[in-house]
Amino acid sequence: YERNPFGRYLVRSEPPDYTFYGTRIADLRNLAAATRLTIEVRRQG
């Protein structure tokens, strides 16, 4: 009785998980934070 049963199946079957892409970027931003820390440490000696 659903509208569009096959289309619903396509959308809900094995939905892709994109969040790990975001986590990779946050990991990169952690490296950037550590690099800024290194720069500030050398600036202040």
All heavy atoms as atom14 arrays in JSON, in Angstrom:
{
  "sequence": "YERNPFGRYLVRSEPPDYTFYGTRIADLRNLAAATRLTIEVRRQG",
  "atom14_mask": [
    [1, 1, 1, 1, 1, 1, 1, 1, 1, 1, 1, 1, 0, 0],
    [1, 1, 1, 1, 1, 1, 1, 1, 1, 0, 0, 0, 0, 0],
    [1, 1, 1, 1, 1, 1, 1, 1, 1, 1, 1, 0, 0, 0],
    [1, 1, 1, 1, 1, 1, 1, 1, 0, 0, 0, 0, 0, 0],
    [1, 1, 1, 1, 1, 1, 1, 0, 0, 0, 0, 0, 0, 0],
    [1, 1, 1, 1, 1, 1, 1, 1, 1, 1, 1, 0, 0, 0],
    [1, 1, 1, 1, 0, 0, 0, 0, 0, 0, 0, 0, 0, 0],
    [1, 1, 1, 1, 1, 1, 1, 1, 1, 1, 1, 0, 0, 0],
    [1, 1, 1, 1, 1, 1, 1, 1, 1, 1, 1, 1, 0, 0],
    [1, 1, 1, 1, 1, 1, 1, 1, 0, 0, 0, 0, 0, 0],
    [1, 1, 1, 1, 1, 1, 1, 0, 0, 0, 0, 0, 0, 0],
    [1, 1, 1, 1, 1, 1, 1, 1, 1, 1, 1, 0, 0, 0],
    [1, 1, 1, 1, 1, 1, 0, 0, 0, 0, 0, 0, 0, 0],
    [1, 1, 1, 1, 1, 1, 1, 1, 1, 0, 0, 0, 0, 0],
    [1, 1, 1, 1, 1, 1, 1, 0, 0, 0, 0, 0, 0, 0],
    [1, 1, 1, 1, 1, 1, 1, 0, 0, 0, 0, 0, 0, 0],
    [1, 1, 1, 1, 1, 1, 1, 1, 0, 0, 0, 0, 0, 0],
    [1, 1, 1, 1, 1, 1, 1, 1, 1, 1, 1, 1, 0, 0],
    [1, 1, 1, 1, 1, 1, 1, 0, 0, 0, 0, 0, 0, 0],
    [1, 1, 1, 1, 1, 1, 1, 1, 1, 1, 1, 0, 0, 0],
    [1, 1, 1, 1, 1, 1, 1, 1, 1, 1, 1, 1, 0, 0],
    [1, 1, 1, 1, 0, 0, 0, 0, 0, 0, 0, 0, 0, 0],
    [1, 1, 1, 1, 1, 1, 1, 0, 0, 0, 0, 0, 0, 0],
    [1, 1, 1, 1, 1, 1, 1, 1, 1, 1, 1, 0, 0, 0],
    [1, 1, 1, 1, 1, 1, 1, 1, 0, 0, 0, 0, 0, 0],
    [1, 1, 1, 1, 1, 0, 0, 0, 0, 0, 0, 0, 0, 0],
    [1, 1, 1, 1, 1, 1, 1, 1, 0, 0, 0, 0, 0, 0],
    [1, 1, 1, 1, 1, 1, 1, 1, 0, 0, 0, 0, 0, 0],
    [1, 1, 1, 1, 1, 1, 1, 1, 1, 1, 1, 0, 0, 0],
    [1, 1, 1, 1, 1, 1, 1, 1, 0, 0, 0, 0, 0, 0],
    [1, 1, 1, 1, 1, 1, 1, 1, 0, 0, 0, 0, 0, 0],
    [1, 1, 1, 1, 1, 0, 0, 0, 0, 0, 0, 0, 0, 0],
    [1, 1, 1, 1, 1, 0, 0, 0, 0, 0, 0, 0, 0, 0],
    [1, 1, 1, 1, 1, 0, 0, 0, 0, 0, 0, 0, 0, 0],
    [1, 1, 1, 1, 1, 1, 1, 0, 0, 0, 0, 0, 0, 0],
    [1, 1, 1, 1, 1, 1, 1, 1, 1, 1, 1, 0, 0, 0],
    [1, 1, 1, 1, 1, 1, 1, 1, 0, 0, 0, 0, 0, 0],
    [1, 1, 1, 1, 1, 1, 1, 0, 0, 0, 0, 0, 0, 0],
    [1, 1, 1, 1, 1, 1, 1, 1, 0, 0, 0, 0, 0, 0],
    [1, 1, 1, 1, 1, 1, 1, 1, 1, 0, 0, 0, 0, 0],
    [1, 1, 1, 1, 1, 1, 1, 0, 0, 0, 0, 0, 0, 0],
    [1, 1, 1, 1, 1, 1, 1, 1, 1, 1, 1, 0, 0, 0],
    [1, 1, 1, 1, 1, 1, 1, 1, 1, 1, 1, 0, 0, 0],
    [1, 1, 1, 1, 1, 1, 1, 1, 1, 0, 0, 0, 0, 0],
    [1, 1, 1, 1, 0, 0, 0, 0, 0, 0, 0, 0, 0, 0]
  ],
  "atom14_positions": [
    [[0.82, -1.21, 0.0], [0.0, 0.0, 0.0], [0.86, 1.27, 0.0], [0.32, 2.37, -0.04], [-0.92, 0.01, 1.22], [-1.98, -1.07, 1.16], [-1.76, -2.31, 1.76], [-3.19, -0.86, 0.51], [-2.72, -3.31, 1.71], [-4.17, -1.85, 0.45], [-3.92, -3.08, 1.05], [-4.87, -4.07, 0.99], [0.0, 0.0, 0.0], [0.0, 0.0, 0.0]],
    [[2.17, 1.11, 0.09], [3.06, 2.27, 0.08], [3.09, 2.9, -1.31], [2.98, 2.23, -2.32], [4.49, 1.86, 0.43], [4.72, 1.44, 1.85], [6.18, 1.09, 2.08], [6.86, 0.7, 1.11], [6.62, 1.21, 3.21], [0.0, 0.0, 0.0], [0.0, 0.0, 0.0], [0.0, 0.0, 0.0], [0.0, 0.0, 0.0], [0.0, 0.0, 0.0]],
    [[3.29, 4.21, -1.31], [3.62, 4.87, -2.57], [5.04, 4.49, -2.94], [5.94, 4.49, -2.1], [3.51, 6.39, -2.41], [3.93, 7.17, -3.67], [4.04, 8.66, -3.4], [2.74, 9.28, -3.27], [2.01, 9.75, -4.27], [2.46, 9.65, -5.52], [0.84, 10.31, -4.05], [0.0, 0.0, 0.0], [0.0, 0.0, 0.0], [0.0, 0.0, 0.0]],
    [[5.25, 4.14, -4.21], [6.6, 3.97, -4.73], [7.4, 2.91, -3.96], [8.47, 3.2, -3.42], [7.32, 5.32, -4.69], [8.7, 5.29, -5.29], [9.0, 4.5, -6.18], [9.57, 6.16, -4.79], [0.0, 0.0, 0.0], [0.0, 0.0, 0.0], [0.0, 0.0, 0.0], [0.0, 0.0, 0.0], [0.0, 0.0, 0.0], [0.0, 0.0, 0.0]],
    [[6.92, 1.67, -3.87], [7.61, 0.67, -3.05], [9.04, 0.39, -3.48], [9.94, 0.24, -2.65], [6.72, -0.57, -3.17], [5.88, -0.35, -4.39], [5.69, 1.13, -4.49], [0.0, 0.0, 0.0], [0.0, 0.0, 0.0], [0.0, 0.0, 0.0], [0.0, 0.0, 0.0], [0.0, 0.0, 0.0], [0.0, 0.0, 0.0], [0.0, 0.0, 0.0]],
    [[9.29, 0.31, -4.8], [10.65, 0.01, -5.24], [11.58, 1.19, -4.98], [12.74, 1.03, -4.59], [10.67, -0.36, -6.73], [12.02, -0.81, -7.2], [12.56, -2.01, -6.78], [12.76, -0.03, -8.07], [13.82, -2.43, -7.21], [14.02, -0.44, -8.51], [14.54, -1.64, -8.08], [0.0, 0.0, 0.0], [0.0, 0.0, 0.0], [0.0, 0.0, 0.0]],
    [[11.09, 2.41, -5.2], [11.91, 3.6, -4.92], [12.26, 3.71, -3.45], [13.39, 4.05, -3.09], [0.0, 0.0, 0.0], [0.0, 0.0, 0.0], [0.0, 0.0, 0.0], [0.0, 0.0, 0.0], [0.0, 0.0, 0.0], [0.0, 0.0, 0.0], [0.0, 0.0, 0.0], [0.0, 0.0, 0.0], [0.0, 0.0, 0.0], [0.0, 0.0, 0.0]],
    [[11.29, 3.41, -2.56], [11.57, 3.41, -1.13], [12.65, 2.39, -0.8], [13.53, 2.63, 0.03], [10.3, 3.08, -0.34], [9.28, 4.2, -0.27], [8.02, 3.7, 0.4], [7.0, 4.71, 0.52], [6.7, 5.37, 1.63], [7.37, 5.12, 2.73], [5.74, 6.26, 1.64], [0.0, 0.0, 0.0], [0.0, 0.0, 0.0], [0.0, 0.0, 0.0]],
    [[12.55, 1.24, -1.45], [13.54, 0.19, -1.21], [14.94, 0.67, -1.6], [15.91, 0.46, -0.87], [13.17, -1.07, -2.0], [14.28, -2.09, -2.05], [14.55, -2.91, -0.95], [15.08, -2.22, -3.18], [15.57, -3.84, -0.99], [16.1, -3.15, -3.23], [16.35, -3.95, -2.13], [17.37, -4.86, -2.18], [0.0, 0.0, 0.0], [0.0, 0.0, 0.0]],
    [[15.05, 1.34, -2.75], [16.35, 1.84, -3.19], [16.94, 2.81, -2.18], [18.13, 2.76, -1.86], [16.2, 2.54, -4.55], [15.94, 1.66, -5.77], [15.75, 2.53, -7.01], [17.07, 0.67, -5.99], [0.0, 0.0, 0.0], [0.0, 0.0, 0.0], [0.0, 0.0, 0.0], [0.0, 0.0, 0.0], [0.0, 0.0, 0.0], [0.0, 0.0, 0.0]],
    [[16.11, 3.7, -1.66], [16.61, 4.74, -0.75], [17.01, 4.15, 0.6], [18.01, 4.56, 1.19], [15.54, 5.84, -0.58], [15.98, 6.85, 0.49], [15.3, 6.56, -1.9], [0.0, 0.0, 0.0], [0.0, 0.0, 0.0], [0.0, 0.0, 0.0], [0.0, 0.0, 0.0], [0.0, 0.0, 0.0], [0.0, 0.0, 0.0], [0.0, 0.0, 0.0]],
    [[16.21, 3.18, 1.08], [16.5, 2.69, 2.43], [17.44, 1.49, 2.48], [17.87, 1.1, 3.55], [15.2, 2.36, 3.16], [14.39, 1.23, 2.57], [13.18, 0.93, 3.46], [12.18, 0.15, 2.74], [10.98, 0.58, 2.44], [10.61, 1.79, 2.8], [10.12, -0.18, 1.79], [0.0, 0.0, 0.0], [0.0, 0.0, 0.0], [0.0, 0.0, 0.0]],
    [[17.75, 0.9, 1.32], [18.63, -0.27, 1.34], [20.09, 0.17, 1.35], [20.52, 0.94, 0.5], [18.37, -1.17, 0.13], [18.65, -0.48, -1.07], [0.0, 0.0, 0.0], [0.0, 0.0, 0.0], [0.0, 0.0, 0.0], [0.0, 0.0, 0.0], [0.0, 0.0, 0.0], [0.0, 0.0, 0.0], [0.0, 0.0, 0.0], [0.0, 0.0, 0.0]],
    [[20.82, -0.3, 2.3], [22.24, 0.0, 2.46], [22.54, 1.49, 2.32], [23.28, 1.9, 1.42], [23.07, -0.8, 1.45], [22.92, -2.3, 1.6], [23.8, -3.06, 0.63], [24.64, -2.42, -0.02], [23.64, -4.28, 0.54], [0.0, 0.0, 0.0], [0.0, 0.0, 0.0], [0.0, 0.0, 0.0], [0.0, 0.0, 0.0], [0.0, 0.0, 0.0]],
    [[21.96, 2.33, 3.17], [22.21, 3.77, 3.05], [23.68, 4.06, 3.29], [24.29, 3.53, 4.22], [21.35, 4.37, 4.18], [21.16, 3.25, 5.15], [21.14, 1.99, 4.34], [0.0, 0.0, 0.0], [0.0, 0.0, 0.0], [0.0, 0.0, 0.0], [0.0, 0.0, 0.0], [0.0, 0.0, 0.0], [0.0, 0.0, 0.0], [0.0, 0.0, 0.0]],
    [[24.31, 4.9, 2.44], [25.74, 5.18, 2.61], [26.01, 5.98, 3.88], [25.21, 6.82, 4.28], [26.09, 6.0, 1.36], [24.79, 6.61, 0.94], [23.73, 5.61, 1.29], [0.0, 0.0, 0.0], [0.0, 0.0, 0.0], [0.0, 0.0, 0.0], [0.0, 0.0, 0.0], [0.0, 0.0, 0.0], [0.0, 0.0, 0.0], [0.0, 0.0, 0.0]],
    [[27.11, 5.68, 4.51], [27.53, 6.4, 5.7], [28.62, 7.39, 5.29], [29.75, 7.01, 4.99], [28.06, 5.43, 6.76], [28.51, 6.16, 8.02], [28.21, 7.36, 8.15], [29.17, 5.53, 8.86], [0.0, 0.0, 0.0], [0.0, 0.0, 0.0], [0.0, 0.0, 0.0], [0.0, 0.0, 0.0], [0.0, 0.0, 0.0], [0.0, 0.0, 0.0]],
    [[28.25, 8.66, 5.26], [29.2, 9.69, 4.85], [29.99, 10.27, 6.01], [30.93, 11.05, 5.77], [28.44, 10.84, 4.17], [27.77, 10.5, 2.87], [26.39, 10.34, 2.79], [28.5, 10.35, 1.69], [25.76, 10.04, 1.59], [27.88, 10.05, 0.49], [26.51, 9.9, 0.45], [25.88, 9.61, -0.74], [0.0, 0.0, 0.0], [0.0, 0.0, 0.0]],
    [[29.62, 9.96, 7.24], [30.18, 10.69, 8.37], [31.69, 10.52, 8.51], [32.37, 11.41, 9.02], [29.5, 10.29, 9.69], [29.59, 8.86, 9.85], [28.04, 10.69, 9.69], [0.0, 0.0, 0.0], [0.0, 0.0, 0.0], [0.0, 0.0, 0.0], [0.0, 0.0, 0.0], [0.0, 0.0, 0.0], [0.0, 0.0, 0.0], [0.0, 0.0, 0.0]],
    [[32.23, 9.38, 8.03], [33.68, 9.2, 8.19], [34.46, 10.21, 7.37], [35.61, 10.54, 7.71], [34.09, 7.76, 7.82], [34.1, 7.45, 6.36], [35.26, 7.58, 5.61], [32.95, 7.0, 5.72], [35.29, 7.27, 4.27], [32.96, 6.69, 4.38], [34.13, 6.83, 3.65], [0.0, 0.0, 0.0], [0.0, 0.0, 0.0], [0.0, 0.0, 0.0]],
    [[33.85, 10.76, 6.3], [34.51, 11.83, 5.56], [34.69, 13.05, 6.47], [35.75, 13.7, 6.45], [33.7, 12.23, 4.33], [33.65, 11.19, 3.24], [32.46, 10.52, 2.95], [34.77, 10.88, 2.49], [32.4, 9.57, 1.93], [34.73, 9.93, 1.49], [33.55, 9.28, 1.21], [33.49, 8.33, 0.21], [0.0, 0.0, 0.0], [0.0, 0.0, 0.0]],
    [[33.66, 13.37, 7.23], [33.77, 14.49, 8.15], [34.8, 14.24, 9.24], [35.55, 15.15, 9.62], [0.0, 0.0, 0.0], [0.0, 0.0, 0.0], [0.0, 0.0, 0.0], [0.0, 0.0, 0.0], [0.0, 0.0, 0.0], [0.0, 0.0, 0.0], [0.0, 0.0, 0.0], [0.0, 0.0, 0.0], [0.0, 0.0, 0.0], [0.0, 0.0, 0.0]],
    [[34.86, 13.0, 9.74], [35.84, 12.68, 10.77], [37.26, 12.83, 10.24], [38.15, 13.28, 10.97], [35.6, 11.25, 11.29], [34.25, 11.12, 11.72], [36.53, 10.94, 12.45], [0.0, 0.0, 0.0], [0.0, 0.0, 0.0], [0.0, 0.0, 0.0], [0.0, 0.0, 0.0], [0.0, 0.0, 0.0], [0.0, 0.0, 0.0], [0.0, 0.0, 0.0]],
    [[37.49, 12.46, 8.99], [38.82, 12.65, 8.4], [39.22, 14.12, 8.41], [40.39, 14.46, 8.66], [38.83, 12.13, 6.96], [38.91, 10.61, 6.84], [38.96, 10.21, 5.38], [39.07, 8.76, 5.22], [39.08, 8.14, 4.05], [38.99, 8.85, 2.93], [39.18, 6.83, 3.99], [0.0, 0.0, 0.0], [0.0, 0.0, 0.0], [0.0, 0.0, 0.0]],
    [[38.26, 14.98, 8.13], [38.57, 16.41, 8.11], [38.85, 16.9, 9.53], [39.75, 17.72, 9.75], [37.4, 17.19, 7.46], [37.37, 16.87, 5.96], [37.55, 18.68, 7.69], [36.19, 17.46, 5.24], [0.0, 0.0, 0.0], [0.0, 0.0, 0.0], [0.0, 0.0, 0.0], [0.0, 0.0, 0.0], [0.0, 0.0, 0.0], [0.0, 0.0, 0.0]],
    [[38.09, 16.42, 10.5], [38.37, 16.8, 11.89], [39.74, 16.31, 12.32], [40.46, 17.01, 13.05], [37.28, 16.24, 12.81], [0.0, 0.0, 0.0], [0.0, 0.0, 0.0], [0.0, 0.0, 0.0], [0.0, 0.0, 0.0], [0.0, 0.0, 0.0], [0.0, 0.0, 0.0], [0.0, 0.0, 0.0], [0.0, 0.0, 0.0], [0.0, 0.0, 0.0]],
    [[40.14, 15.12, 11.87], [41.5, 14.63, 12.15], [42.55, 15.57, 11.55], [43.58, 15.85, 12.18], [41.69, 13.22, 11.57], [41.1, 12.13, 12.46], [41.09, 12.31, 13.69], [40.67, 11.1, 11.92], [0.0, 0.0, 0.0], [0.0, 0.0, 0.0], [0.0, 0.0, 0.0], [0.0, 0.0, 0.0], [0.0, 0.0, 0.0], [0.0, 0.0, 0.0]],
    [[42.29, 16.04, 10.34], [43.21, 16.99, 9.71], [43.27, 18.28, 10.52], [44.35, 18.86, 10.72], [42.75, 17.28, 8.28], [43.48, 18.42, 7.57], [44.94, 18.06, 7.31], [42.78, 18.78, 6.25], [0.0, 0.0, 0.0], [0.0, 0.0, 0.0], [0.0, 0.0, 0.0], [0.0, 0.0, 0.0], [0.0, 0.0, 0.0], [0.0, 0.0, 0.0]],
    [[42.14, 18.74, 11.0], [42.11, 19.98, 11.78], [42.86, 19.8, 13.11], [43.4, 20.77, 13.65], [40.67, 20.41, 12.01], [39.97, 20.82, 10.71], [38.51, 21.21, 10.95], [38.44, 22.33, 11.87], [37.62, 22.4, 12.9], [36.81, 21.37, 13.18], [37.6, 23.45, 13.69], [0.0, 0.0, 0.0], [0.0, 0.0, 0.0], [0.0, 0.0, 0.0]],
    [[42.89, 18.56, 13.62], [43.71, 18.3, 14.8], [45.19, 18.49, 14.49], [45.95, 19.05, 15.29], [43.47, 16.88, 15.3], [42.67, 16.85, 16.59], [42.34, 17.88, 17.15], [42.35, 15.66, 17.06], [0.0, 0.0, 0.0], [0.0, 0.0, 0.0], [0.0, 0.0, 0.0], [0.0, 0.0, 0.0], [0.0, 0.0, 0.0], [0.0, 0.0, 0.0]],
    [[45.62, 18.0, 13.33], [47.01, 18.2, 12.9], [47.29, 19.69, 12.73], [48.38, 20.18, 13.08], [47.28, 17.44, 11.6], [48.64, 17.65, 10.95], [49.77, 17.25, 11.9], [48.74, 16.83, 9.65], [0.0, 0.0, 0.0], [0.0, 0.0, 0.0], [0.0, 0.0, 0.0], [0.0, 0.0, 0.0], [0.0, 0.0, 0.0], [0.0, 0.0, 0.0]],
    [[46.32, 20.42, 12.18], [46.49, 21.87, 12.02], [46.63, 22.55, 13.39], [47.45, 23.47, 13.56], [45.31, 22.46, 11.25], [0.0, 0.0, 0.0], [0.0, 0.0, 0.0], [0.0, 0.0, 0.0], [0.0, 0.0, 0.0], [0.0, 0.0, 0.0], [0.0, 0.0, 0.0], [0.0, 0.0, 0.0], [0.0, 0.0, 0.0], [0.0, 0.0, 0.0]],
    [[45.84, 22.09, 14.37], [45.93, 22.67, 15.71], [47.3, 22.4, 16.32], [47.91, 23.29, 16.95], [44.82, 22.09, 16.59], [0.0, 0.0, 0.0], [0.0, 0.0, 0.0], [0.0, 0.0, 0.0], [0.0, 0.0, 0.0], [0.0, 0.0, 0.0], [0.0, 0.0, 0.0], [0.0, 0.0, 0.0], [0.0, 0.0, 0.0], [0.0, 0.0, 0.0]],
    [[47.82, 21.18, 16.12], [49.15, 20.85, 16.64], [50.23, 21.67, 15.94], [51.24, 22.06, 16.56], [49.41, 19.36, 16.47], [0.0, 0.0, 0.0], [0.0, 0.0, 0.0], [0.0, 0.0, 0.0], [0.0, 0.0, 0.0], [0.0, 0.0, 0.0], [0.0, 0.0, 0.0], [0.0, 0.0, 0.0], [0.0, 0.0, 0.0], [0.0, 0.0, 0.0]],
    [[50.03, 21.94, 14.65], [51.0, 22.76, 13.9], [50.98, 24.2, 14.39], [52.04, 24.83, 14.57], [50.68, 22.7, 12.39], [50.69, 21.34, 11.96], [51.7, 23.5, 11.59], [0.0, 0.0, 0.0], [0.0, 0.0, 0.0], [0.0, 0.0, 0.0], [0.0, 0.0, 0.0], [0.0, 0.0, 0.0], [0.0, 0.0, 0.0], [0.0, 0.0, 0.0]],
    [[49.79, 24.74, 14.64], [49.71, 26.1, 15.18], [50.35, 26.17, 16.57], [51.02, 27.16, 16.91], [48.24, 26.55, 15.26], [47.62, 26.87, 13.9], [46.29, 27.59, 14.06], [45.28, 26.72, 14.64], [44.44, 25.96, 13.92], [44.52, 25.96, 12.6], [43.55, 25.2, 14.52], [0.0, 0.0, 0.0], [0.0, 0.0, 0.0], [0.0, 0.0, 0.0]],
    [[50.16, 25.12, 17.35], [50.81, 25.06, 18.66], [52.33, 25.12, 18.52], [53.01, 25.85, 19.25], [50.38, 23.79, 19.38], [50.98, 23.54, 20.77], [50.53, 24.61, 21.76], [50.58, 22.15, 21.28], [0.0, 0.0, 0.0], [0.0, 0.0, 0.0], [0.0, 0.0, 0.0], [0.0, 0.0, 0.0], [0.0, 0.0, 0.0], [0.0, 0.0, 0.0]],
    [[52.85, 24.37, 17.57], [54.31, 24.36, 17.33], [54.8, 25.75, 16.92], [55.85, 26.23, 17.39], [54.66, 23.34, 16.23], [54.13, 22.06, 16.57], [56.16, 23.23, 16.03], [0.0, 0.0, 0.0], [0.0, 0.0, 0.0], [0.0, 0.0, 0.0], [0.0, 0.0, 0.0], [0.0, 0.0, 0.0], [0.0, 0.0, 0.0], [0.0, 0.0, 0.0]],
    [[54.03, 26.41, 16.06], [54.41, 27.75, 15.6], [54.45, 28.73, 16.77], [55.4, 29.52, 16.93], [53.42, 28.24, 14.51], [53.54, 27.38, 13.26], [53.67, 29.71, 14.17], [52.41, 27.59, 12.26], [0.0, 0.0, 0.0], [0.0, 0.0, 0.0], [0.0, 0.0, 0.0], [0.0, 0.0, 0.0], [0.0, 0.0, 0.0], [0.0, 0.0, 0.0]],
    [[53.44, 28.68, 17.63], [53.38, 29.6, 18.76], [54.5, 29.33, 19.77], [55.08, 30.27, 20.35], [52.0, 29.51, 19.44], [51.76, 30.53, 20.52], [51.85, 31.97, 20.0], [51.55, 32.2, 18.81], [52.23, 32.85, 20.81], [0.0, 0.0, 0.0], [0.0, 0.0, 0.0], [0.0, 0.0, 0.0], [0.0, 0.0, 0.0], [0.0, 0.0, 0.0]],
    [[54.8, 28.06, 19.97], [55.89, 27.71, 20.87], [57.21, 28.29, 20.37], [58.01, 28.85, 21.15], [55.99, 26.17, 21.02], [57.32, 25.77, 21.65], [54.83, 25.64, 21.85], [0.0, 0.0, 0.0], [0.0, 0.0, 0.0], [0.0, 0.0, 0.0], [0.0, 0.0, 0.0], [0.0, 0.0, 0.0], [0.0, 0.0, 0.0], [0.0, 0.0, 0.0]],
    [[57.46, 28.21, 19.05], [58.7, 28.75, 18.51], [58.68, 30.27, 18.49], [59.7, 30.92, 18.68], [58.93, 28.21, 17.08], [59.34, 26.75, 17.05], [60.7, 26.56, 17.74], [61.12, 25.17, 17.7], [60.86, 24.27, 18.65], [60.16, 24.62, 19.73], [61.3, 23.04, 18.54], [0.0, 0.0, 0.0], [0.0, 0.0, 0.0], [0.0, 0.0, 0.0]],
    [[57.51, 30.85, 18.27], [57.41, 32.31, 18.3], [57.81, 32.85, 19.69], [58.55, 33.83, 19.8], [55.99, 32.76, 17.96], [55.83, 34.29, 17.84], [54.44, 34.76, 18.3], [53.36, 34.17, 17.55], [52.7, 34.77, 16.56], [53.04, 35.99, 16.18], [51.7, 34.15, 15.97], [0.0, 0.0, 0.0], [0.0, 0.0, 0.0], [0.0, 0.0, 0.0]],
    [[57.33, 32.16, 20.73], [57.62, 32.62, 22.09], [58.94, 32.07, 22.63], [59.4, 32.52, 23.68], [56.48, 32.19, 23.03], [55.13, 32.82, 22.71], [54.09, 32.52, 23.77], [54.41, 32.37, 24.96], [52.83, 32.44, 23.35], [0.0, 0.0, 0.0], [0.0, 0.0, 0.0], [0.0, 0.0, 0.0], [0.0, 0.0, 0.0], [0.0, 0.0, 0.0]],
    [[59.54, 31.11, 21.91], [60.81, 30.55, 22.37], [60.66, 29.78, 23.67], [61.55, 29.84, 24.54], [0.0, 0.0, 0.0], [0.0, 0.0, 0.0], [0.0, 0.0, 0.0], [0.0, 0.0, 0.0], [0.0, 0.0, 0.0], [0.0, 0.0, 0.0], [0.0, 0.0, 0.0], [0.0, 0.0, 0.0], [0.0, 0.0, 0.0], [0.0, 0.0, 0.0]]
  ]
}
